[in-house]
C-alpha atoms as a PDB file:
ATOM      1  CA  MET A   1     155.055 129.696 120.424  1.00  0.00           C
ATOM      2  CA  LEU A   2     154.507 126.014 121.098  1.00  0.00           C
ATOM      3  CA  ALA A   3     155.503 126.554 124.721  1.00  0.00           C
ATOM      4  CA  GLY A   4     152.806 129.205 125.008  1.00  0.00           C
ATOM      5  CA  ALA A   5     150.213 126.791 123.625  1.00  0.00           C
ATOM      6  CA  LEU A   6     151.231 124.027 126.014  1.00  0.00           C
ATOM      7  CA  LEU A   7     151.303 126.318 129.041  1.00  0.00           C
ATOM      8  CA  SER A   8     147.898 127.660 128.035  1.00  0.00           C
ATOM      9  CA  LEU A   9     146.595 124.089 127.863  1.00  0.00           C
ATOM     10  CA  ILE A  10     147.969 123.319 131.314  1.00  0.00           C
ATOM     11  CA  ALA A  11     146.489 126.491 132.811  1.00  0.00           C
ATOM     12  CA  GLY A  12     143.156 125.855 131.103  1.00  0.00           C
ATOM     13  CA  LEU A  13     142.927 122.261 132.315  1.00  0.00           C
ATOM     14  CA  TRP A  14     143.994 123.300 135.811  1.00  0.00           C
ATOM     15  CA  GLY A  15     141.305 125.954 135.881  1.00  0.00           C
ATOM     16  CA  ALA A  16     138.746 123.438 134.626  1.00  0.00           C
ATOM     17  CA  LEU A  17     139.354 121.264 137.678  1.00  0.00           C
ATOM     18  CA  ALA A  18     138.440 124.198 139.900  1.00  0.00           C
ATOM     19  CA  LEU A  19     135.278 124.781 137.868  1.00  0.00           C
ATOM     20  CA  LEU A  20     134.416 121.109 138.386  1.00  0.00           C
ATOM     21  CA  ASP A  21     134.645 121.678 142.156  1.00  0.00           C
ATOM     22  CA  VAL A  22     137.710 119.445 142.421  1.00  0.00           C
ATOM     23  CA  SER A  23     139.833 120.420 145.402  1.00  0.00           C
ATOM     24  CA  VAL A  24     143.132 121.449 143.796  1.00  0.00           C
ATOM     25  CA  PRO A  25     145.564 124.271 144.582  1.00  0.00           C
ATOM     26  CA  LEU A  26     144.958 127.115 142.139  1.00  0.00           C
ATOM     27  CA  PRO A  27     148.071 129.264 141.543  1.00  0.00           C
ATOM     28  CA  ARG A  28     145.974 131.906 139.787  1.00  0.00           C
ATOM     29  CA  THR A  29     142.225 132.480 139.907  1.00  0.00           C
ATOM     30  CA  SER A  30     142.554 133.528 136.261  1.00  0.00           C
ATOM     31  CA  PHE A  31     143.105 129.854 135.382  1.00  0.00           C
ATOM     32  CA  ALA A  32     139.445 129.213 136.197  1.00  0.00           C
ATOM     33  CA  ARG A  33     137.975 132.594 135.203  1.00  0.00           C
ATOM     34  CA  GLN A  34     139.623 132.519 131.781  1.00  0.00           C
ATOM     35  CA  HIS A  35     139.356 128.772 131.167  1.00  0.00           C
ATOM     36  CA  GLY A  36     137.418 129.237 127.917  1.00  0.00           C
ATOM     37  CA  PRO A  37     139.699 131.795 126.228  1.00  0.00           C
ATOM     38  CA  LEU A  38     142.809 129.931 127.388  1.00  0.00           C
ATOM     39  CA  MET A  39     141.629 126.747 125.675  1.00  0.00           C
ATOM     40  CA  ALA A  40     139.896 128.189 122.591  1.00  0.00           C
ATOM     41  CA  LEU A  41     142.264 131.059 121.762  1.00  0.00           C
ATOM     42  CA  GLY A  42     145.428 130.395 123.750  1.00  0.00           C
ATOM     43  CA  PHE A  43     145.833 126.696 122.998  1.00  0.00           C
ATOM     44  CA  LEU A  44     143.812 125.996 119.848  1.00  0.00           C
ATOM     45  CA  GLY A  45     144.258 129.492 118.419  1.00  0.00           C
ATOM     46  CA  THR A  46     148.029 129.210 118.680  1.00  0.00           C
ATOM     47  CA  LEU A  47     148.069 125.793 116.995  1.00  0.00           C
ATOM     48  CA  ILE A  48     145.754 126.860 114.166  1.00  0.00           C
ATOM     49  CA  SER A  49     147.634 130.089 113.461  1.00  0.00           C
ATOM     50  CA  LEU A  50     150.967 128.236 113.601  1.00  0.00           C
ATOM     51  CA  GLU A  51     149.724 125.724 111.035  1.00  0.00           C
ATOM     52  CA  ARG A  52     148.623 128.574 108.764  1.00  0.00           C
ATOM     53  CA  ALA A  53     151.965 130.344 109.161  1.00  0.00           C
ATOM     54  CA  VAL A  54     153.860 127.198 108.201  1.00  0.00           C
ATOM     55  CA  ALA A  55     151.604 126.715 105.175  1.00  0.00           C
ATOM     56  CA  LEU A  56     152.122 130.307 103.997  1.00  0.00           C
ATOM     57  CA  GLY A  57     155.861 130.140 104.560  1.00  0.00           C
ATOM     58  CA  ARG A  58     156.321 133.854 105.269  1.00  0.00           C
ATOM     59  CA  PRO A  59     158.182 135.008 108.410  1.00  0.00           C
ATOM     60  CA  TRP A  60     155.662 137.765 109.161  1.00  0.00           C
ATOM     61  CA  ALA A  61     152.862 135.191 109.417  1.00  0.00           C
ATOM     62  CA  TYR A  62     154.413 133.766 112.589  1.00  0.00           C
ATOM     63  CA  ALA A  63     153.403 136.925 114.448  1.00  0.00           C
ATOM     64  CA  SER A  64     149.886 135.498 114.850  1.00  0.00           C
ATOM     65  CA  PRO A  65     150.848 132.376 116.849  1.00  0.00           C
ATOM     66  CA  ALA A  66     153.443 134.430 118.731  1.00  0.00           C
ATOM     67  CA  LEU A  67     150.815 136.972 119.771  1.00  0.00           C
ATOM     68  CA  ALA A  68     148.376 134.203 120.689  1.00  0.00           C
ATOM     69  CA  GLY A  69     150.932 132.402 122.831  1.00  0.00           C
ATOM     70  CA  LEU A  70     152.015 135.606 124.549  1.00  0.00           C
ATOM     71  CA  GLY A  71     148.406 136.656 125.050  1.00  0.00           C
ATOM     72  CA  ALA A  72     147.573 133.316 126.632  1.00  0.00           C
ATOM     73  CA  LEU A  73     150.492 133.561 129.045  1.00  0.00           C
ATOM     74  CA  THR A  74     149.547 137.140 129.925  1.00  0.00           C
ATOM     75  CA  THR A  75     145.930 136.131 130.515  1.00  0.00           C
ATOM     76  CA  ALA A  76     146.924 133.153 132.652  1.00  0.00           C
ATOM     77  CA  ALA A  77     149.156 135.447 134.708  1.00  0.00           C
ATOM     78  CA  GLY A  78     146.102 137.499 135.648  1.00  0.00           C
ATOM     79  CA  LEU A  79     146.790 140.477 133.375  1.00  0.00           C
ATOM     80  CA  ALA A  80     143.331 140.478 131.833  1.00  0.00           C
ATOM     81  CA  ALA A  81     143.367 143.671 129.746  1.00  0.00           C
ATOM     82  CA  PRO A  82     146.763 143.160 128.027  1.00  0.00           C
ATOM     83  CA  GLY A  83     145.896 139.510 127.481  1.00  0.00           C
ATOM     84  CA  ARG A  84     142.680 140.401 125.686  1.00  0.00           C
ATOM     85  CA  VAL A  85     144.484 142.880 123.443  1.00  0.00           C
ATOM     86  CA  LEU A  86     147.197 140.375 122.501  1.00  0.00           C
ATOM     87  CA  LEU A  87     144.746 137.550 121.806  1.00  0.00           C
ATOM     88  CA  THR A  88     142.587 139.884 119.723  1.00  0.00           C
ATOM     89  CA  ALA A  89     145.616 141.094 117.777  1.00  0.00           C
ATOM     90  CA  ALA A  90     146.488 137.464 117.059  1.00  0.00           C
ATOM     91  CA  GLY A  91     143.046 136.936 115.541  1.00  0.00           C
ATOM     92  CA  GLY A  92     143.353 140.046 113.405  1.00  0.00           C
ATOM     93  CA  TRP A  93     146.793 138.984 112.214  1.00  0.00           C
ATOM     94  CA  LEU A  94     145.413 135.547 111.304  1.00  0.00           C
ATOM     95  CA  VAL A  95     142.829 137.254 109.086  1.00  0.00           C
ATOM     96  CA  ALA A  96     145.722 138.975 107.305  1.00  0.00           C
ATOM     97  CA  VAL A  97     147.455 135.614 106.864  1.00  0.00           C
ATOM     98  CA  TYR A  98     144.360 134.135 105.244  1.00  0.00           C
ATOM     99  CA  ILE A  99     144.049 137.154 102.952  1.00  0.00           C
ATOM    100  CA  ALA A 100     147.634 136.538 101.848  1.00  0.00           C
ATOM    101  CA  VAL A 101     146.814 132.885 101.193  1.00  0.00           C
ATOM    102  CA  LEU A 102     143.751 133.942  99.189  1.00  0.00           C
ATOM    103  CA  GLY A 103     146.097 136.038  97.069  1.00  0.00           C
ATOM    104  CA  ARG A 104     147.796 132.816  96.006  1.00  0.00           C
ATOM    105  CA  ARG A 105     144.716 130.625  95.636  1.00  0.00           C
ATOM    106  CA  THR A 106     141.048 131.433  95.829  1.00  0.00           C
ATOM    107  CA  GLY A 107     138.477 128.916  96.944  1.00  0.00           C
ATOM    108  CA  THR A 108     135.343 128.452  98.976  1.00  0.00           C
ATOM    109  CA  ASP A 109     137.249 126.416 101.540  1.00  0.00           C
ATOM    110  CA  LEU A 110     139.656 129.290 102.199  1.00  0.00           C
ATOM    111  CA  ALA A 111     136.804 131.792 102.341  1.00  0.00           C
ATOM    112  CA  VAL A 112     135.109 129.722 105.060  1.00  0.00           C
ATOM    113  CA  GLN A 113     138.358 129.495 107.037  1.00  0.00           C
ATOM    114  CA  THR A 114     138.884 133.242 106.667  1.00  0.00           C
ATOM    115  CA  ALA A 115     135.401 133.784 108.086  1.00  0.00           C
ATOM    116  CA  GLY A 116     136.448 131.622 111.027  1.00  0.00           C
ATOM    117  CA  ALA A 117     139.487 133.811 111.663  1.00  0.00           C
ATOM    118  CA  ALA A 118     137.288 136.908 111.416  1.00  0.00           C
ATOM    119  CA  ALA A 119     135.034 135.385 114.084  1.00  0.00           C
ATOM    120  CA  TRP A 120     138.061 135.104 116.392  1.00  0.00           C
ATOM    121  CA  TYR A 121     138.863 138.772 115.773  1.00  0.00           C
ATOM    122  CA  ALA A 122     135.244 139.806 116.376  1.00  0.00           C
ATOM    123  CA  ALA A 123     135.134 137.804 119.604  1.00  0.00           C
ATOM    124  CA  GLY A 124     138.260 139.583 120.786  1.00  0.00           C
ATOM    125  CA  LEU A 125     136.908 143.037 119.975  1.00  0.00           C
ATOM    126  CA  LEU A 126     133.709 142.300 121.887  1.00  0.00           C
ATOM    127  CA  TRP A 127     135.756 140.943 124.787  1.00  0.00           C
ATOM    128  CA  ILE A 128     137.884 144.101 124.875  1.00  0.00           C
ATOM    129  CA  GLY A 129     134.680 146.135 124.715  1.00  0.00           C
ATOM    130  CA  GLY A 130     133.465 144.650 127.981  1.00  0.00           C
ATOM    131  CA  ARG A 131     131.417 141.640 126.927  1.00  0.00           C
ATOM    132  CA  GLY A 132     131.755 138.598 129.164  1.00  0.00           C
ATOM    133  CA  VAL A 133     133.184 135.293 127.985  1.00  0.00           C
ATOM    134  CA  GLY A 134     129.693 133.792 127.991  1.00  0.00           C
ATOM    135  CA  ASP A 135     128.517 136.503 125.599  1.00  0.00           C
ATOM    136  CA  ILE A 136     131.150 135.669 122.973  1.00  0.00           C
ATOM    137  CA  VAL A 137     130.693 131.884 123.012  1.00  0.00           C
ATOM    138  CA  PRO A 138     128.902 131.876 119.601  1.00  0.00           C
ATOM    139  CA  TRP A 139     131.858 133.755 118.109  1.00  0.00           C
ATOM    140  CA  LEU A 140     134.405 131.383 119.657  1.00  0.00           C
ATOM    141  CA  ALA A 141     132.399 128.437 118.365  1.00  0.00           C
ATOM    142  CA  ALA A 142     132.211 130.036 114.912  1.00  0.00           C
ATOM    143  CA  PHE A 143     135.993 130.480 114.857  1.00  0.00           C
ATOM    144  CA  LEU A 144     136.747 126.828 115.518  1.00  0.00           C
ATOM    145  CA  VAL A 145     133.803 125.263 113.688  1.00  0.00           C
ATOM    146  CA  LEU A 146     134.287 127.287 110.495  1.00  0.00           C
ATOM    147  CA  THR A 147     138.046 126.708 110.504  1.00  0.00           C
ATOM    148  CA  ILE A 148     137.546 122.956 110.735  1.00  0.00           C
ATOM    149  CA  ALA A 149     134.678 122.965 108.220  1.00  0.00           C
ATOM    150  CA  GLY A 150     136.808 124.842 105.693  1.00  0.00           C
ATOM    151  CA  GLU A 151     139.598 122.299 106.040  1.00  0.00           C
ATOM    152  CA  ARG A 152     137.159 119.409 105.592  1.00  0.00           C
ATOM    153  CA  LEU A 153     135.680 121.121 102.518  1.00  0.00           C
ATOM    154  CA  GLU A 154     139.159 121.323 101.011  1.00  0.00           C
ATOM    155  CA  LEU A 155     139.577 117.561 101.405  1.00  0.00           C
ATOM    156  CA  ALA A 156     136.065 116.919 100.108  1.00  0.00           C
ATOM    157  CA  ARG A 157     136.872 118.920  96.976  1.00  0.00           C
ATOM    158  CA  VAL A 158     139.871 116.667  96.418  1.00  0.00           C
ATOM    159  CA  ALA A 159     137.365 113.804  96.519  1.00  0.00           C
ATOM    160  CA  PHE A 160     135.518 115.411  93.565  1.00  0.00           C
ATOM    161  CA  LEU A 161     132.706 117.012  95.525  1.00  0.00           C
ATOM    162  CA  GLY A 162     130.267 118.851  93.284  1.00  0.00           C
ATOM    163  CA  ARG A 163     129.785 122.598  93.548  1.00  0.00           C
ATOM    164  CA  ARG A 164     126.118 122.279  94.475  1.00  0.00           C
ATOM    165  CA  ALA A 165     127.059 120.167  97.491  1.00  0.00           C
ATOM    166  CA  SER A 166     129.765 122.625  98.562  1.00  0.00           C
ATOM    167  CA  ASP A 167     127.211 125.428  98.379  1.00  0.00           C
ATOM    168  CA  GLY A 168     125.375 123.615 101.167  1.00  0.00           C
ATOM    169  CA  LEU A 169     128.363 123.983 103.467  1.00  0.00           C
ATOM    170  CA  VAL A 170     128.639 127.670 102.618  1.00  0.00           C
ATOM    171  CA  ALA A 171     124.976 128.109 103.547  1.00  0.00           C
ATOM    172  CA  THR A 172     125.461 126.431 106.932  1.00  0.00           C
ATOM    173  CA  ALA A 173     128.581 128.517 107.560  1.00  0.00           C
ATOM    174  CA  ALA A 174     126.572 131.653 106.770  1.00  0.00           C
ATOM    175  CA  LEU A 175     123.947 130.605 109.320  1.00  0.00           C
ATOM    176  CA  ILE A 176     126.620 130.180 111.997  1.00  0.00           C
ATOM    177  CA  GLY A 177     128.189 133.544 111.232  1.00  0.00           C
ATOM    178  CA  ALA A 178     124.831 135.297 111.091  1.00  0.00           C
ATOM    179  CA  GLY A 179     123.796 133.713 114.381  1.00  0.00           C
ATOM    180  CA  ALA A 180     126.957 134.922 116.088  1.00  0.00           C
ATOM    181  CA  ALA A 181     126.357 138.440 114.758  1.00  0.00           C
ATOM    182  CA  VAL A 182     122.715 138.475 115.861  1.00  0.00           C
ATOM    183  CA  SER A 183     123.689 137.242 119.341  1.00  0.00           C
ATOM    184  CA  VAL A 184     125.450 140.555 119.984  1.00  0.00           C
ATOM    185  CA  TRP A 185     122.076 142.344 120.150  1.00  0.00           C
ATOM    186  CA  TRP A 186     119.525 139.535 120.580  1.00  0.00           C
ATOM    187  CA  ALA A 187     120.985 136.620 122.489  1.00  0.00           C
ATOM    188  CA  GLU A 188     118.162 134.084 122.198  1.00  0.00           C
ATOM    189  CA  PRO A 189     117.595 134.334 118.415  1.00  0.00           C
ATOM    190  CA  GLY A 190     121.343 134.529 117.815  1.00  0.00           C
ATOM    191  CA  TRP A 191     122.152 131.383 119.764  1.00  0.00           C
ATOM    192  CA  ARG A 192     119.252 129.534 118.104  1.00  0.00           C
ATOM    193  CA  LEU A 193     120.440 130.551 114.637  1.00  0.00           C
ATOM    194  CA  THR A 194     123.994 129.505 115.452  1.00  0.00           C
ATOM    195  CA  GLY A 195     122.665 126.200 116.749  1.00  0.00           C
ATOM    196  CA  LEU A 196     120.669 125.660 113.562  1.00  0.00           C
ATOM    197  CA  GLY A 197     123.796 126.298 111.512  1.00  0.00           C
ATOM    198  CA  MET A 198     125.881 123.883 113.582  1.00  0.00           C
ATOM    199  CA  ALA A 199     123.278 121.124 113.375  1.00  0.00           C
ATOM    200  CA  ALA A 200     122.943 121.632 109.617  1.00  0.00           C
ATOM    201  CA  LEU A 201     126.717 121.650 109.197  1.00  0.00           C
ATOM    202  CA  ALA A 202     127.015 118.396 111.141  1.00  0.00           C
ATOM    203  CA  GLY A 203     124.503 116.837 108.765  1.00  0.00           C
ATOM    204  CA  TRP A 204     126.372 118.140 105.722  1.00  0.00           C
ATOM    205  CA  LEU A 205     129.688 116.798 106.990  1.00  0.00           C
ATOM    206  CA  ALA A 206     128.194 113.420 107.870  1.00  0.00           C
ATOM    207  CA  VAL A 207     126.885 113.052 104.306  1.00  0.00           C
ATOM    208  CA  HIS A 208     129.654 114.600 102.200  1.00  0.00           C
ATOM    209  CA  ASP A 209     132.879 114.141 104.168  1.00  0.00           C
ATOM    210  CA  VAL A 210     135.270 111.477 102.870  1.00  0.00           C
ATOM    211  CA  ALA A 211     135.297 110.039 106.406  1.00  0.00           C
ATOM    212  CA  ARG A 212     132.036 108.287 105.580  1.00  0.00           C
ATOM    213  CA  ARG A 213     133.992 106.077 103.163  1.00  0.00           C
ATOM    214  CA  THR A 214     137.401 105.906 104.815  1.00  0.00           C
ATOM    215  CA  VAL A 215     135.899 104.582 108.060  1.00  0.00           C
ATOM    216  CA  ARG A 216     135.580 101.260 106.213  1.00  0.00           C
ATOM    217  CA  GLY A 217     139.335 101.153 105.691  1.00  0.00           C
ATOM    218  CA  THR A 218     142.145 100.275 108.064  1.00  0.00           C
ATOM    219  CA  GLY A 219     144.922 101.972 109.999  1.00  0.00           C
ATOM    220  CA  LEU A 220     145.154 105.763 110.075  1.00  0.00           C
ATOM    221  CA  PRO A 221     142.308 106.475 107.598  1.00  0.00           C
ATOM    222  CA  ARG A 222     139.876 104.466 109.705  1.00  0.00           C
ATOM    223  CA  TYR A 223     141.079 106.020 112.971  1.00  0.00           C
ATOM    224  CA  ALA A 224     140.822 109.559 111.592  1.00  0.00           C
ATOM    225  CA  ALA A 225     137.356 108.833 110.214  1.00  0.00           C
ATOM    226  CA  ALA A 226     136.213 107.514 113.597  1.00  0.00           C
ATOM    227  CA  CYS A 227     137.420 110.751 115.216  1.00  0.00           C
ATOM    228  CA  LEU A 228     135.623 112.874 112.646  1.00  0.00           C
ATOM    229  CA  LEU A 229     132.297 111.054 112.620  1.00  0.00           C
ATOM    230  CA  ALA A 230     132.102 110.997 116.417  1.00  0.00           C
ATOM    231  CA  GLY A 231     132.877 114.707 116.426  1.00  0.00           C
ATOM    232  CA  TYR A 232     130.083 115.427 113.961  1.00  0.00           C
ATOM    233  CA  ALA A 233     127.620 113.700 116.281  1.00  0.00           C
ATOM    234  CA  TRP A 234     128.653 116.005 119.132  1.00  0.00           C
ATOM    235  CA  LEU A 235     128.391 119.058 116.876  1.00  0.00           C
ATOM    236  CA  ALA A 236     124.840 118.030 116.010  1.00  0.00           C
ATOM    237  CA  ALA A 237     124.030 117.560 119.703  1.00  0.00           C
ATOM    238  CA  ALA A 238     125.377 120.992 120.648  1.00  0.00           C
ATOM    239  CA  GLY A 239     123.552 122.652 117.771  1.00  0.00           C
ATOM    240  CA  THR A 240     120.295 120.969 118.726  1.00  0.00           C
ATOM    241  CA  ILE A 241     120.548 122.157 122.336  1.00  0.00           C
ATOM    242  CA  TRP A 242     121.191 125.746 121.230  1.00  0.00           C
ATOM    243  CA  LEU A 243     118.393 125.576 118.671  1.00  0.00           C
ATOM    244  CA  ILE A 244     115.886 124.402 121.279  1.00  0.00           C
ATOM    245  CA  ALA A 245     117.055 126.310 124.354  1.00  0.00           C
ATOM    246  CA  GLY A 246     118.433 129.496 122.813  1.00  0.00           C
ATOM    247  CA  ARG A 247     121.117 130.705 125.189  1.00  0.00           C
ATOM    248  CA  PRO A 248     120.941 127.832 127.683  1.00  0.00           C
ATOM    249  CA  THR A 249     121.704 128.003 131.381  1.00  0.00           C
ATOM    250  CA  GLY A 250     122.825 125.534 134.016  1.00  0.00           C
ATOM    251  CA  GLY A 251     123.439 121.973 132.940  1.00  0.00           C
ATOM    252  CA  ALA A 252     122.228 122.509 129.379  1.00  0.00           C
ATOM    253  CA  TYR A 253     124.786 125.309 128.944  1.00  0.00           C
ATOM    254  CA  ASP A 254     127.645 123.120 130.171  1.00  0.00           C
ATOM    255  CA  ALA A 255     126.472 120.160 128.083  1.00  0.00           C
ATOM    256  CA  ALA A 256     126.267 122.097 124.810  1.00  0.00           C
ATOM    257  CA  LEU A 257     129.473 124.012 125.476  1.00  0.00           C
ATOM    258  CA  HIS A 258     131.563 120.895 125.961  1.00  0.00           C
ATOM    259  CA  ALA A 259     129.769 118.985 123.217  1.00  0.00           C
ATOM    260  CA  VAL A 260     131.118 121.470 120.673  1.00  0.00           C
ATOM    261  CA  PHE A 261     134.467 122.492 122.193  1.00  0.00           C
ATOM    262  CA  LEU A 262     135.464 119.086 123.576  1.00  0.00           C
ATOM    263  CA  GLY A 263     133.392 116.504 121.712  1.00  0.00           C
ATOM    264  CA  PHE A 264     133.697 118.125 118.288  1.00  0.00           C
ATOM    265  CA  VAL A 265     136.851 120.228 118.339  1.00  0.00           C
ATOM    266  CA  MET A 266     139.135 117.954 120.373  1.00  0.00           C
ATOM    267  CA  SER A 267     137.975 114.919 118.415  1.00  0.00           C
ATOM    268  CA  MET A 268     139.092 116.788 115.285  1.00  0.00           C
ATOM    269  CA  VAL A 269     142.453 117.474 116.942  1.00  0.00           C
ATOM    270  CA  PHE A 270     142.884 113.773 117.739  1.00  0.00           C
ATOM    271  CA  GLY A 271     142.049 112.819 114.158  1.00  0.00           C
ATOM    272  CA  HIS A 272     144.244 115.393 112.447  1.00  0.00           C
ATOM    273  CA  ALA A 273     147.260 115.202 114.784  1.00  0.00           C
ATOM    274  CA  PRO A 274     149.069 112.363 112.923  1.00  0.00           C
ATOM    275  CA  VAL A 275     148.993 114.505 109.768  1.00  0.00           C
ATOM    276  CA  ILE A 276     149.347 118.043 111.157  1.00  0.00           C
ATOM    277  CA  LEU A 277     152.104 117.502 113.745  1.00  0.00           C
ATOM    278  CA  PRO A 278     154.685 116.149 111.260  1.00  0.00           C
ATOM    279  CA  ALA A 279     153.988 119.038 108.876  1.00  0.00           C
ATOM    280  CA  VAL A 280     154.005 121.807 111.494  1.00  0.00           C
ATOM    281  CA  LEU A 281     156.388 120.614 114.204  1.00  0.00           C
ATOM    282  CA  ARG A 282     158.503 118.182 112.171  1.00  0.00           C
ATOM    283  CA  ILE A 283     157.568 115.507 114.699  1.00  0.00           C
ATOM    284  CA  ARG A 284     156.806 112.110 113.244  1.00  0.00           C
ATOM    285  CA  LEU A 285     153.577 110.701 114.658  1.00  0.00           C
ATOM    286  CA  PRO A 286     152.775 107.384 112.975  1.00  0.00           C
ATOM    287  CA  TYR A 287     149.443 105.720 113.538  1.00  0.00           C
ATOM    288  CA  HIS A 288     149.279 103.145 116.319  1.00  0.00           C
ATOM    289  CA  PRO A 289     146.147 101.366 117.597  1.00  0.00           C
ATOM    290  CA  VAL A 290     146.904 102.708 121.083  1.00  0.00           C
ATOM    291  CA  LEU A 291     145.546 106.079 119.880  1.00  0.00           C
ATOM    292  CA  TYR A 292     142.052 104.613 120.155  1.00  0.00           C
ATOM    293  CA  ALA A 293     142.387 104.510 123.961  1.00  0.00           C
ATOM    294  CA  PRO A 294     142.245 108.292 124.530  1.00  0.00           C
ATOM    295  CA  LEU A 295     139.627 108.645 121.789  1.00  0.00           C
ATOM    296  CA  VAL A 296     137.270 106.168 123.449  1.00  0.00           C
ATOM    297  CA  LEU A 297     137.898 107.738 126.856  1.00  0.00           C
ATOM    298  CA  LEU A 298     137.225 111.225 125.469  1.00  0.00           C
ATOM    299  CA  HIS A 299     133.790 110.340 124.178  1.00  0.00           C
ATOM    300  CA  ALA A 300     132.838 108.035 127.051  1.00  0.00           C
ATOM    301  CA  SER A 301     133.754 110.714 129.595  1.00  0.00           C
ATOM    302  CA  LEU A 302     131.819 113.347 127.669  1.00  0.00           C
ATOM    303  CA  LEU A 303     128.755 111.102 127.593  1.00  0.00           C
ATOM    304  CA  LEU A 304     129.045 110.812 131.366  1.00  0.00           C
ATOM    305  CA  ARG A 305     129.461 114.559 131.787  1.00  0.00           C
ATOM    306  CA  VAL A 306     126.590 115.513 129.488  1.00  0.00           C
ATOM    307  CA  GLY A 307     124.377 112.895 131.106  1.00  0.00           C
ATOM    308  CA  GLY A 308     125.203 114.357 134.502  1.00  0.00           C
ATOM    309  CA  ASP A 309     124.507 117.878 133.232  1.00  0.00           C
ATOM    310  CA  LEU A 310     121.094 117.014 131.865  1.00  0.00           C
ATOM    311  CA  ALA A 311     120.132 114.792 134.806  1.00  0.00           C
ATOM    312  CA  GLY A 312     121.297 117.280 137.418  1.00  0.00           C
ATOM    313  CA  SER A 313     123.957 114.913 138.790  1.00  0.00           C
ATOM    314  CA  SER A 314     126.960 116.939 139.926  1.00  0.00           C
ATOM    315  CA  GLY A 315     128.894 113.753 140.677  1.00  0.00           C
ATOM    316  CA  ALA A 316     128.548 112.446 137.127  1.00  0.00           C
ATOM    317  CA  ARG A 317     129.417 115.880 135.734  1.00  0.00           C
ATOM    318  CA  THR A 318     132.576 116.089 137.836  1.00  0.00           C
ATOM    319  CA  ALA A 319     133.644 112.517 137.086  1.00  0.00           C
ATOM    320  CA  GLY A 320     133.068 113.006 133.373  1.00  0.00           C
ATOM    321  CA  GLY A 321     134.972 116.287 133.393  1.00  0.00           C
ATOM    322  CA  VAL A 322     137.987 114.827 135.187  1.00  0.00           C
ATOM    323  CA  LEU A 323     138.067 111.793 132.893  1.00  0.00           C
ATOM    324  CA  GLY A 324     137.863 114.142 129.926  1.00  0.00           C
ATOM    325  CA  GLU A 325     141.026 115.861 131.099  1.00  0.00           C
ATOM    326  CA  VAL A 326     142.657 112.464 131.572  1.00  0.00           C
ATOM    327  CA  SER A 327     141.806 111.613 127.953  1.00  0.00           C
ATOM    328  CA  LEU A 328     143.672 114.698 126.710  1.00  0.00           C
ATOM    329  CA  LEU A 329     146.734 113.888 128.799  1.00  0.00           C
ATOM    330  CA  LEU A 330     146.529 110.245 127.714  1.00  0.00           C
ATOM    331  CA  PHE A 331     146.487 111.297 124.071  1.00  0.00           C
ATOM    332  CA  GLY A 332     149.664 113.291 124.614  1.00  0.00           C
ATOM    333  CA  ALA A 333     151.315 110.307 126.297  1.00  0.00           C
ATOM    334  CA  CYS A 334     150.212 107.890 123.562  1.00  0.00           C
ATOM    335  CA  ALA A 335     151.362 110.258 120.828  1.00  0.00           C
ATOM    336  CA  ALA A 336     154.760 110.670 122.488  1.00  0.00           C
ATOM    337  CA  ALA A 337     155.113 106.899 122.870  1.00  0.00           C
ATOM    338  CA  ALA A 338     154.157 106.264 119.237  1.00  0.00           C
ATOM    339  CA  SER A 339     156.618 108.909 118.057  1.00  0.00           C
ATOM    340  CA  ARG A 340     159.416 107.434 120.167  1.00  0.00           C
ATOM    341  CA  LEU A 341     158.723 103.903 118.931  1.00  0.00           C
ATOM    342  CA  ALA A 342     158.858 105.136 115.338  1.00  0.00           C
ATOM    343  CA  ALA A 343     162.156 106.924 115.977  1.00  0.00           C
ATOM    344  CA  ARG A 344     163.673 103.783 117.484  1.00  0.00           C
ATOM    345  CA  ALA A 345     162.471 101.663 114.577  1.00  0.00           C
ATOM    346  CA  ALA A 346     163.973 104.122 112.100  1.00  0.00           C
ATOM    347  CA  SER A 347     167.256 104.124 114.031  1.00  0.00           C
ATOM    348  CA  ARG A 348     167.426 100.325 113.982  1.00  0.00           C
ATOM    349  CA  LEU A 349     166.724 100.306 110.252  1.00  0.00           C
ATOM    350  CA  VAL A 350     169.537 102.773 109.595  1.00  0.00           C
ATOM    351  CA  GLY A 351     171.872 100.641 111.719  1.00  0.00           C
ATOM    352  CA  ARG A 352     171.046  97.524 109.729  1.00  0.00           C
ATOM    353  CA  GLU A 353     171.614  99.300 106.432  1.00  0.00           C
ATOM    354  CA  ARG A 354     175.026 100.517 107.571  1.00  0.00           C
ATOM    355  CA  SER A 355     176.040  97.069 108.759  1.00  0.00           C
END
């Protein structure tokens, strides 16, 4: 399952280089054509469904990440129709996993995350039905944004968030879901409504998320908070573009798309990785200041890319896109180095205790 996610990431990043007009050998044209689904469903979908399966602790729940990984590999191989079916089945199975979790514990946070999984499933059904990837972008955004928002709401509740405040998040989530649904028949109003929901959600998170307080701390809490707050800014930017432009085209489309999927979502991945990876993969990833390097590069490169998009500078767009890919690879390298350093330190400690 993890191999499928990693291979999907590699194929997606490879395809992105071709979309940036970088001269690279392309083993499969599907790498570029299916760049969005490979990243959103193949890579992130596999990781999210794997985390949910681990949390539920039931063997049948692992079918969702397995289907997602297999679907990503099938899609990358150029088998479009089977790939769509497998990725859609993974989304449907994830809905079933969330329903099982709701059977153990009810809560607004879980309901929002379940709505996110349902958005994945809806996106897949539309994709199978012949809609293009561009047509299902609001649904893909809803999947990832609502999943993350639900997780942040869970942590905010731990911080004694009042019910009235949590109702605000539910309202913004409803706007996002309604916008995605409307976009199926009326693209412009649907994208605007989704954008309004995303901008409102970014404001809610900026005010109520515990990151607003933990950013004043040190170590991992401060690093995670920096990731989250920067991500919320990008979510607000993407939502604003959609609200103003409707379904944008050209540079505005690219700017908003990567503001939400790269600036918001990947910043969340960076911030949650030190907590999620040990729980899901049993890989220790202690905080190290070096993790700020890929984070800074991620946001600096995205600023360059978005600036190039809006100014009509293809050179800035390409440079920002390539540097964005470098930031993802750099994060992987920094995480591996931090994990190895921690393992060596633990080994030395055990050796001293034995001696």
